[in-house]
Amino acid sequence: MTTHSIPAVLVLALLTAAGWAIAGGAAGGAIAIAAVCLLHWPADVLTGCKPTVPNGPWIGLNQYRHLLVDLGAELPLLWVGWLAVRRSARAALQAPPAWWVPVIACAVQLAFLANLYAGSELFIGRREWTWHPNQGILVFKRVPNTEKLPCLPPPRARPLPD
């Protein structure tokens, strides 16, 4: 709620844009940074299940639970972003960023997913897999309709019943 709700994203966009401006960056750069920050929320709605406002509904398509779909979307975005930075860095610095930058970004994404899936379920095709790293095995069961997964807040974020 504190980082991915709509109010939080608005505050983060303002803070990052202000930080850029205070550091001496151009107004166009501040606007671009704020726009990227704001567009992160709808992208997260496509991949996950995100809060809207405090005590409001959570919405999303739960695609993080579909490992291959998530990797198919996230990893190309990392590479395209790196290529864009590399192109602008070449013009600004006359030197491309190191080749290992997207490799580390991909490793960070894979580590995030491993943390996300540890002890929980994910879907590959119509099979639900449960990963228990301490046991060192993946187990699966067939799931009839993975498209109808509910979008709910994590159990610790749900309000307690009256």
N, C-alpha and C. Protein backbone atom coordinates (compact mmCIF):
# COMPACT_ATOMS: atom_id res chain seq x y z
N MET A 1 0.82 -1.19 0.00
CA MET A 1 0.00 0.00 0.00
C MET A 1 0.87 1.26 0.00
N THR A 2 1.99 1.20 0.71
CA THR A 2 2.82 2.39 0.84
C THR A 2 3.67 2.69 -0.40
N THR A 3 3.79 1.73 -1.32
CA THR A 3 4.60 1.98 -2.52
C THR A 3 3.85 1.76 -3.82
N HIS A 4 2.76 0.99 -3.81
CA HIS A 4 2.12 0.63 -5.08
C HIS A 4 0.66 1.06 -5.20
N SER A 5 0.12 1.77 -4.23
CA SER A 5 -1.24 2.29 -4.38
C SER A 5 -1.17 3.56 -5.24
N ILE A 6 -2.30 4.01 -5.73
CA ILE A 6 -2.32 5.20 -6.59
C ILE A 6 -1.79 6.43 -5.85
N PRO A 7 -2.23 6.70 -4.60
CA PRO A 7 -1.66 7.87 -3.90
C PRO A 7 -0.15 7.75 -3.71
N ALA A 8 0.33 6.55 -3.39
CA ALA A 8 1.77 6.37 -3.19
C ALA A 8 2.53 6.62 -4.48
N VAL A 9 2.00 6.15 -5.60
CA VAL A 9 2.66 6.35 -6.89
C VAL A 9 2.69 7.84 -7.25
N LEU A 10 1.61 8.56 -6.96
CA LEU A 10 1.60 10.00 -7.21
C LEU A 10 2.68 10.71 -6.40
N VAL A 11 2.79 10.35 -5.13
CA VAL A 11 3.81 10.96 -4.26
C VAL A 11 5.21 10.61 -4.76
N LEU A 12 5.43 9.34 -5.11
CA LEU A 12 6.75 8.93 -5.61
C LEU A 12 7.09 9.65 -6.91
N ALA A 13 6.12 9.84 -7.79
CA ALA A 13 6.37 10.56 -9.05
C ALA A 13 6.79 12.00 -8.76
N LEU A 14 6.08 12.64 -7.84
CA LEU A 14 6.44 14.02 -7.48
C LEU A 14 7.83 14.10 -6.83
N LEU A 15 8.12 13.16 -5.94
CA LEU A 15 9.41 13.17 -5.25
C LEU A 15 10.57 12.92 -6.21
N THR A 16 10.41 11.95 -7.11
CA THR A 16 11.49 11.66 -8.04
C THR A 16 11.70 12.81 -9.02
N ALA A 17 10.60 13.40 -9.49
CA ALA A 17 10.72 14.55 -10.40
C ALA A 17 11.36 15.73 -9.68
N ALA A 18 10.95 15.97 -8.45
CA ALA A 18 11.53 17.07 -7.67
C ALA A 18 13.02 16.81 -7.41
N GLY A 19 13.36 15.57 -7.08
CA GLY A 19 14.76 15.22 -6.86
C GLY A 19 15.61 15.47 -8.09
N TRP A 20 15.07 15.12 -9.25
CA TRP A 20 15.78 15.37 -10.51
C TRP A 20 15.98 16.87 -10.72
N ALA A 21 14.92 17.64 -10.50
CA ALA A 21 15.01 19.09 -10.69
C ALA A 21 15.98 19.72 -9.70
N ILE A 22 15.93 19.28 -8.44
CA ILE A 22 16.83 19.82 -7.41
C ILE A 22 18.29 19.49 -7.74
N ALA A 23 18.51 18.32 -8.34
CA ALA A 23 19.87 17.92 -8.72
C ALA A 23 20.37 18.66 -9.95
N GLY A 24 19.52 19.51 -10.51
CA GLY A 24 19.95 20.30 -11.66
C GLY A 24 19.53 19.74 -13.00
N GLY A 25 18.67 18.74 -12.98
CA GLY A 25 18.19 18.16 -14.24
C GLY A 25 17.20 19.08 -14.93
N ALA A 26 17.06 18.87 -16.22
CA ALA A 26 16.13 19.68 -17.02
C ALA A 26 14.68 19.33 -16.69
N ALA A 27 13.79 20.28 -16.95
CA ALA A 27 12.37 20.07 -16.67
C ALA A 27 11.83 18.90 -17.49
N GLY A 28 12.28 18.76 -18.72
CA GLY A 28 11.83 17.64 -19.55
C GLY A 28 12.20 16.30 -18.94
N GLY A 29 13.38 16.23 -18.34
CA GLY A 29 13.79 15.00 -17.66
C GLY A 29 12.93 14.71 -16.45
N ALA A 30 12.59 15.75 -15.69
CA ALA A 30 11.73 15.57 -14.52
C ALA A 30 10.35 15.06 -14.94
N ILE A 31 9.84 15.60 -16.03
CA ILE A 31 8.53 15.15 -16.53
C ILE A 31 8.61 13.70 -16.99
N ALA A 32 9.69 13.35 -17.68
CA ALA A 32 9.85 11.96 -18.15
C ALA A 32 9.95 11.00 -16.97
N ILE A 33 10.71 11.38 -15.94
CA ILE A 33 10.86 10.52 -14.77
C ILE A 33 9.51 10.36 -14.07
N ALA A 34 8.77 11.43 -13.91
CA ALA A 34 7.45 11.34 -13.28
C ALA A 34 6.51 10.46 -14.12
N ALA A 35 6.57 10.60 -15.43
CA ALA A 35 5.71 9.80 -16.31
C ALA A 35 6.03 8.31 -16.18
N VAL A 36 7.31 7.98 -16.15
CA VAL A 36 7.70 6.57 -16.00
C VAL A 36 7.20 6.04 -14.65
N CYS A 37 7.35 6.84 -13.61
CA CYS A 37 6.87 6.42 -12.29
C CYS A 37 5.36 6.20 -12.30
N LEU A 38 4.62 7.11 -12.91
CA LEU A 38 3.16 6.99 -12.97
C LEU A 38 2.73 5.80 -13.83
N LEU A 39 3.43 5.55 -14.91
CA LEU A 39 3.06 4.43 -15.80
C LEU A 39 3.42 3.08 -15.22
N HIS A 40 4.22 3.06 -14.18
CA HIS A 40 4.58 1.80 -13.53
C HIS A 40 3.34 1.14 -12.90
N TRP A 41 2.43 1.96 -12.37
CA TRP A 41 1.24 1.39 -11.72
C TRP A 41 0.37 0.62 -12.71
N PRO A 42 -0.02 1.20 -13.86
CA PRO A 42 -0.84 0.39 -14.78
C PRO A 42 -0.09 -0.84 -15.29
N ALA A 43 1.22 -0.74 -15.45
CA ALA A 43 1.98 -1.92 -15.87
C ALA A 43 1.92 -3.00 -14.78
N ASP A 44 2.01 -2.60 -13.53
CA ASP A 44 1.89 -3.55 -12.43
C ASP A 44 0.50 -4.17 -12.36
N VAL A 45 -0.51 -3.42 -12.72
CA VAL A 45 -1.87 -3.97 -12.73
C VAL A 45 -1.96 -5.09 -13.77
N LEU A 46 -1.28 -4.93 -14.88
CA LEU A 46 -1.28 -5.98 -15.90
C LEU A 46 -0.57 -7.24 -15.42
N THR A 47 0.50 -7.07 -14.65
CA THR A 47 1.29 -8.23 -14.25
C THR A 47 0.91 -8.79 -12.89
N GLY A 48 0.38 -7.97 -12.02
CA GLY A 48 0.12 -8.44 -10.66
C GLY A 48 -1.26 -8.11 -10.17
N CYS A 49 -1.34 -7.83 -8.90
CA CYS A 49 -2.58 -7.46 -8.22
C CYS A 49 -2.21 -6.32 -7.30
N LYS A 50 -2.67 -5.11 -7.62
CA LYS A 50 -2.18 -3.92 -6.93
C LYS A 50 -3.30 -3.16 -6.23
N PRO A 51 -2.96 -2.46 -5.14
CA PRO A 51 -3.96 -1.67 -4.43
C PRO A 51 -4.30 -0.40 -5.20
N THR A 52 -5.52 0.07 -5.04
CA THR A 52 -5.91 1.33 -5.66
C THR A 52 -5.70 2.46 -4.66
N VAL A 53 -6.48 2.46 -3.59
CA VAL A 53 -6.39 3.46 -2.53
C VAL A 53 -6.49 2.74 -1.19
N PRO A 54 -6.08 3.37 -0.09
CA PRO A 54 -6.21 2.71 1.21
C PRO A 54 -7.65 2.23 1.45
N ASN A 55 -7.77 1.00 1.87
CA ASN A 55 -9.06 0.34 2.13
C ASN A 55 -9.92 0.23 0.87
N GLY A 56 -9.33 0.41 -0.29
CA GLY A 56 -10.05 0.28 -1.55
C GLY A 56 -9.80 -1.07 -2.18
N PRO A 57 -10.35 -1.28 -3.34
CA PRO A 57 -10.17 -2.57 -4.00
C PRO A 57 -8.77 -2.76 -4.56
N TRP A 58 -8.40 -3.99 -4.73
CA TRP A 58 -7.17 -4.36 -5.41
C TRP A 58 -7.58 -4.84 -6.80
N ILE A 59 -6.81 -4.45 -7.81
CA ILE A 59 -7.14 -4.88 -9.16
C ILE A 59 -5.89 -5.41 -9.85
N GLY A 60 -6.10 -6.26 -10.83
CA GLY A 60 -4.98 -6.77 -11.60
C GLY A 60 -5.29 -8.09 -12.27
N LEU A 61 -4.42 -8.47 -13.17
CA LEU A 61 -4.60 -9.70 -13.95
C LEU A 61 -3.81 -10.89 -13.41
N ASN A 62 -3.04 -10.69 -12.34
CA ASN A 62 -2.30 -11.79 -11.70
C ASN A 62 -1.34 -12.52 -12.63
N GLN A 63 -0.76 -11.83 -13.57
CA GLN A 63 0.13 -12.52 -14.50
C GLN A 63 1.46 -12.93 -13.87
N TYR A 64 1.81 -12.37 -12.70
CA TYR A 64 3.01 -12.84 -12.01
C TYR A 64 2.89 -14.32 -11.69
N ARG A 65 1.69 -14.78 -11.49
CA ARG A 65 1.49 -16.19 -11.17
C ARG A 65 1.67 -17.08 -12.38
N HIS A 66 1.76 -16.48 -13.56
CA HIS A 66 2.02 -17.23 -14.79
C HIS A 66 3.46 -16.95 -15.19
N LEU A 67 4.36 -17.78 -14.74
CA LEU A 67 5.79 -17.54 -14.84
C LEU A 67 6.24 -17.23 -16.27
N LEU A 68 5.84 -18.02 -17.23
CA LEU A 68 6.33 -17.82 -18.60
C LEU A 68 5.79 -16.53 -19.21
N VAL A 69 4.54 -16.17 -18.89
CA VAL A 69 3.98 -14.90 -19.37
C VAL A 69 4.76 -13.74 -18.77
N ASP A 70 5.01 -13.82 -17.47
CA ASP A 70 5.74 -12.75 -16.80
C ASP A 70 7.15 -12.59 -17.37
N LEU A 71 7.86 -13.69 -17.49
CA LEU A 71 9.21 -13.60 -18.04
C LEU A 71 9.19 -13.12 -19.48
N GLY A 72 8.18 -13.53 -20.24
CA GLY A 72 8.06 -13.10 -21.62
C GLY A 72 7.80 -11.61 -21.75
N ALA A 73 7.23 -10.99 -20.73
CA ALA A 73 6.96 -9.55 -20.76
C ALA A 73 8.11 -8.77 -20.10
N GLU A 74 8.56 -9.21 -18.95
CA GLU A 74 9.53 -8.44 -18.17
C GLU A 74 10.94 -8.43 -18.79
N LEU A 75 11.44 -9.59 -19.19
CA LEU A 75 12.81 -9.63 -19.68
C LEU A 75 13.01 -8.85 -20.98
N PRO A 76 12.11 -8.95 -21.96
CA PRO A 76 12.29 -8.08 -23.14
C PRO A 76 12.22 -6.59 -22.80
N LEU A 77 11.36 -6.21 -21.83
CA LEU A 77 11.33 -4.81 -21.42
C LEU A 77 12.67 -4.35 -20.84
N LEU A 78 13.30 -5.22 -20.07
CA LEU A 78 14.62 -4.89 -19.53
C LEU A 78 15.62 -4.66 -20.67
N TRP A 79 15.61 -5.55 -21.65
CA TRP A 79 16.57 -5.43 -22.76
C TRP A 79 16.27 -4.21 -23.62
N VAL A 80 15.02 -3.94 -23.90
CA VAL A 80 14.67 -2.75 -24.70
C VAL A 80 15.07 -1.48 -23.96
N GLY A 81 14.81 -1.43 -22.66
CA GLY A 81 15.22 -0.28 -21.87
C GLY A 81 16.73 -0.09 -21.90
N TRP A 82 17.46 -1.19 -21.78
CA TRP A 82 18.92 -1.10 -21.82
C TRP A 82 19.39 -0.60 -23.18
N LEU A 83 18.79 -1.10 -24.25
CA LEU A 83 19.17 -0.64 -25.59
C LEU A 83 18.90 0.86 -25.75
N ALA A 84 17.79 1.33 -25.20
CA ALA A 84 17.48 2.76 -25.28
C ALA A 84 18.50 3.58 -24.50
N VAL A 85 18.86 3.13 -23.30
CA VAL A 85 19.86 3.83 -22.50
C VAL A 85 21.21 3.80 -23.21
N ARG A 86 21.53 2.64 -23.77
CA ARG A 86 22.80 2.50 -24.48
C ARG A 86 22.89 3.48 -25.65
N ARG A 87 21.79 3.61 -26.37
CA ARG A 87 21.77 4.52 -27.52
C ARG A 87 21.96 5.98 -27.07
N SER A 88 21.24 6.37 -26.00
CA SER A 88 21.38 7.74 -25.53
C SER A 88 22.73 7.96 -24.86
N ALA A 89 23.27 6.95 -24.19
CA ALA A 89 24.59 7.08 -23.56
C ALA A 89 25.67 7.25 -24.61
N ARG A 90 25.53 6.55 -25.71
CA ARG A 90 26.51 6.68 -26.78
C ARG A 90 26.56 8.13 -27.28
N ALA A 91 25.38 8.73 -27.42
CA ALA A 91 25.33 10.12 -27.89
C ALA A 91 25.85 11.08 -26.82
N ALA A 92 25.50 10.83 -25.56
CA ALA A 92 25.87 11.77 -24.49
C ALA A 92 27.31 11.56 -24.01
N LEU A 93 27.74 10.31 -23.90
CA LEU A 93 29.04 10.02 -23.28
C LEU A 93 30.07 9.48 -24.26
N GLN A 94 29.66 9.21 -25.47
CA GLN A 94 30.54 8.59 -26.47
C GLN A 94 31.04 7.23 -26.02
N ALA A 95 30.27 6.57 -25.14
CA ALA A 95 30.64 5.22 -24.69
C ALA A 95 29.38 4.49 -24.24
N PRO A 96 29.18 3.28 -24.70
CA PRO A 96 27.99 2.54 -24.28
C PRO A 96 28.12 2.03 -22.85
N PRO A 97 26.99 1.86 -22.17
CA PRO A 97 27.04 1.25 -20.84
C PRO A 97 27.57 -0.18 -20.95
N ALA A 98 28.05 -0.71 -19.88
CA ALA A 98 28.62 -2.05 -19.87
C ALA A 98 27.58 -3.09 -20.26
N TRP A 99 28.02 -4.14 -20.92
CA TRP A 99 27.14 -5.22 -21.37
C TRP A 99 26.49 -5.97 -20.21
N TRP A 100 27.11 -5.94 -19.04
CA TRP A 100 26.61 -6.71 -17.92
C TRP A 100 25.42 -6.06 -17.22
N VAL A 101 25.09 -4.81 -17.56
CA VAL A 101 23.96 -4.13 -16.91
C VAL A 101 22.65 -4.88 -17.14
N PRO A 102 22.28 -5.25 -18.38
CA PRO A 102 21.01 -5.99 -18.54
C PRO A 102 21.08 -7.40 -17.96
N VAL A 103 22.26 -7.98 -17.92
CA VAL A 103 22.40 -9.32 -17.32
C VAL A 103 22.08 -9.24 -15.82
N ILE A 104 22.60 -8.22 -15.16
CA ILE A 104 22.31 -8.03 -13.73
C ILE A 104 20.82 -7.71 -13.54
N ALA A 105 20.26 -6.88 -14.41
CA ALA A 105 18.83 -6.55 -14.31
C ALA A 105 17.98 -7.81 -14.46
N CYS A 106 18.34 -8.68 -15.38
CA CYS A 106 17.60 -9.95 -15.54
C CYS A 106 17.76 -10.82 -14.31
N ALA A 107 18.97 -10.86 -13.75
CA ALA A 107 19.20 -11.65 -12.53
C ALA A 107 18.38 -11.10 -11.37
N VAL A 108 18.28 -9.79 -11.27
CA VAL A 108 17.47 -9.17 -10.20
C VAL A 108 16.00 -9.55 -10.39
N GLN A 109 15.50 -9.52 -11.65
CA GLN A 109 14.12 -9.90 -11.91
C GLN A 109 13.89 -11.37 -11.55
N LEU A 110 14.81 -12.23 -11.91
CA LEU A 110 14.67 -13.65 -11.58
C LEU A 110 14.73 -13.86 -10.06
N ALA A 111 15.58 -13.11 -9.36
CA ALA A 111 15.63 -13.22 -7.90
C ALA A 111 14.33 -12.74 -7.27
N PHE A 112 13.77 -11.65 -7.82
CA PHE A 112 12.47 -11.17 -7.35
C PHE A 112 11.41 -12.24 -7.52
N LEU A 113 11.37 -12.87 -8.70
CA LEU A 113 10.37 -13.91 -8.94
C LEU A 113 10.59 -15.12 -8.02
N ALA A 114 11.85 -15.50 -7.80
CA ALA A 114 12.13 -16.61 -6.90
C ALA A 114 11.64 -16.29 -5.50
N ASN A 115 11.84 -15.06 -5.04
CA ASN A 115 11.35 -14.64 -3.74
C ASN A 115 9.82 -14.62 -3.71
N LEU A 116 9.23 -14.16 -4.81
CA LEU A 116 7.77 -14.09 -4.90
C LEU A 116 7.15 -15.48 -4.83
N TYR A 117 7.77 -16.44 -5.50
CA TYR A 117 7.19 -17.78 -5.61
C TYR A 117 7.56 -18.71 -4.47
N ALA A 118 8.55 -18.36 -3.66
CA ALA A 118 8.98 -19.25 -2.59
C ALA A 118 7.81 -19.56 -1.66
N GLY A 119 7.47 -20.83 -1.57
CA GLY A 119 6.40 -21.27 -0.69
C GLY A 119 5.01 -20.96 -1.20
N SER A 120 4.88 -20.52 -2.45
CA SER A 120 3.56 -20.21 -2.99
C SER A 120 3.39 -20.89 -4.34
N GLU A 121 2.29 -20.58 -4.99
CA GLU A 121 1.98 -21.26 -6.24
C GLU A 121 2.25 -20.37 -7.44
N LEU A 122 2.52 -21.01 -8.56
CA LEU A 122 2.67 -20.34 -9.83
C LEU A 122 2.08 -21.26 -10.88
N PHE A 123 1.84 -20.74 -12.05
CA PHE A 123 1.21 -21.52 -13.09
C PHE A 123 2.08 -21.57 -14.33
N ILE A 124 2.24 -22.74 -14.87
CA ILE A 124 2.86 -22.95 -16.18
C ILE A 124 1.86 -23.77 -16.96
N GLY A 125 1.24 -23.13 -17.95
CA GLY A 125 0.15 -23.79 -18.67
C GLY A 125 -1.03 -24.00 -17.73
N ARG A 126 -1.57 -25.18 -17.70
CA ARG A 126 -2.70 -25.49 -16.83
C ARG A 126 -2.27 -26.22 -15.56
N ARG A 127 -0.98 -26.15 -15.26
CA ARG A 127 -0.48 -26.81 -14.06
C ARG A 127 -0.11 -25.77 -13.01
N GLU A 128 -0.56 -26.03 -11.80
CA GLU A 128 -0.20 -25.18 -10.68
C GLU A 128 1.01 -25.82 -10.00
N TRP A 129 2.07 -25.06 -9.86
CA TRP A 129 3.28 -25.54 -9.22
C TRP A 129 3.42 -24.87 -7.86
N THR A 130 3.87 -25.62 -6.89
CA THR A 130 4.17 -25.06 -5.58
C THR A 130 5.65 -25.26 -5.34
N TRP A 131 6.33 -24.18 -5.05
CA TRP A 131 7.77 -24.25 -4.84
C TRP A 131 8.07 -24.11 -3.37
N HIS A 132 8.75 -25.09 -2.84
CA HIS A 132 9.21 -25.06 -1.46
C HIS A 132 10.72 -25.21 -1.48
N PRO A 133 11.45 -24.08 -1.53
CA PRO A 133 12.91 -24.15 -1.67
C PRO A 133 13.59 -25.00 -0.60
N ASN A 134 13.04 -25.02 0.61
CA ASN A 134 13.66 -25.81 1.67
C ASN A 134 13.59 -27.30 1.38
N GLN A 135 12.58 -27.73 0.62
CA GLN A 135 12.45 -29.13 0.25
C GLN A 135 13.19 -29.43 -1.04
N GLY A 136 13.47 -28.39 -1.83
CA GLY A 136 14.24 -28.56 -3.05
C GLY A 136 13.48 -29.20 -4.19
N ILE A 137 12.14 -29.22 -4.15
CA ILE A 137 11.39 -29.84 -5.24
C ILE A 137 10.24 -28.94 -5.68
N LEU A 138 9.80 -29.17 -6.90
CA LEU A 138 8.59 -28.54 -7.41
C LEU A 138 7.52 -29.61 -7.50
N VAL A 139 6.35 -29.34 -7.00
CA VAL A 139 5.23 -30.26 -7.15
C VAL A 139 4.14 -29.53 -7.91
N PHE A 140 3.31 -30.26 -8.65
CA PHE A 140 2.27 -29.60 -9.41
C PHE A 140 0.98 -30.39 -9.36
N LYS A 141 -0.10 -29.67 -9.65
CA LYS A 141 -1.41 -30.27 -9.82
C LYS A 141 -2.08 -29.57 -11.00
N ARG A 142 -2.95 -30.26 -11.70
CA ARG A 142 -3.64 -29.68 -12.85
C ARG A 142 -4.72 -28.74 -12.35
N VAL A 143 -4.82 -27.56 -12.96
CA VAL A 143 -5.80 -26.54 -12.59
C VAL A 143 -6.70 -26.31 -13.79
N PRO A 144 -8.03 -26.43 -13.63
CA PRO A 144 -8.91 -26.34 -14.80
C PRO A 144 -8.98 -24.96 -15.45
N ASN A 145 -8.96 -23.87 -14.68
CA ASN A 145 -9.12 -22.56 -15.28
C ASN A 145 -8.30 -21.52 -14.54
N THR A 146 -7.08 -21.31 -14.99
CA THR A 146 -6.19 -20.38 -14.30
C THR A 146 -6.50 -18.94 -14.64
N GLU A 147 -7.37 -18.69 -15.62
CA GLU A 147 -7.71 -17.32 -16.00
C GLU A 147 -8.62 -16.64 -14.97
N LYS A 148 -9.23 -17.39 -14.09
CA LYS A 148 -10.17 -16.82 -13.13
C LYS A 148 -9.58 -16.74 -11.73
N LEU A 149 -8.32 -16.38 -11.64
CA LEU A 149 -7.69 -16.24 -10.33
C LEU A 149 -8.17 -14.94 -9.69
N PRO A 150 -8.58 -14.97 -8.43
CA PRO A 150 -9.04 -13.72 -7.80
C PRO A 150 -7.87 -12.78 -7.52
N CYS A 151 -8.15 -11.51 -7.64
CA CYS A 151 -7.17 -10.48 -7.29
C CYS A 151 -7.53 -9.99 -5.89
N LEU A 152 -6.74 -10.42 -4.93
CA LEU A 152 -6.99 -10.06 -3.53
C LEU A 152 -5.71 -9.52 -2.92
N PRO A 153 -5.83 -8.68 -1.90
CA PRO A 153 -4.62 -8.22 -1.22
C PRO A 153 -3.95 -9.41 -0.53
N PRO A 154 -2.65 -9.30 -0.24
CA PRO A 154 -1.99 -10.36 0.52
C PRO A 154 -2.71 -10.56 1.86
N PRO A 155 -2.66 -11.76 2.41
CA PRO A 155 -3.40 -12.03 3.67
C PRO A 155 -3.09 -11.03 4.77
N ARG A 156 -1.85 -10.59 4.90
CA ARG A 156 -1.51 -9.66 5.99
C ARG A 156 -2.07 -8.26 5.74
N ALA A 157 -2.48 -7.95 4.49
CA ALA A 157 -3.01 -6.63 4.17
C ALA A 157 -4.54 -6.60 4.18
N ARG A 158 -5.17 -7.76 4.29
CA ARG A 158 -6.63 -7.81 4.31
C ARG A 158 -7.14 -7.34 5.67
N PRO A 159 -8.25 -6.60 5.67
CA PRO A 159 -8.81 -6.18 6.97
C PRO A 159 -9.33 -7.38 7.75
N LEU A 160 -9.21 -7.30 9.04
CA LEU A 160 -9.72 -8.36 9.90
C LEU A 160 -11.24 -8.31 9.95
N PRO A 161 -11.88 -9.50 10.03
CA PRO A 161 -13.35 -9.50 10.11
C PRO A 161 -13.82 -8.87 11.42
N ASP A 162 -15.01 -8.29 11.39
CA ASP A 162 -15.57 -7.66 12.59
C ASP A 162 -15.98 -8.68 13.61
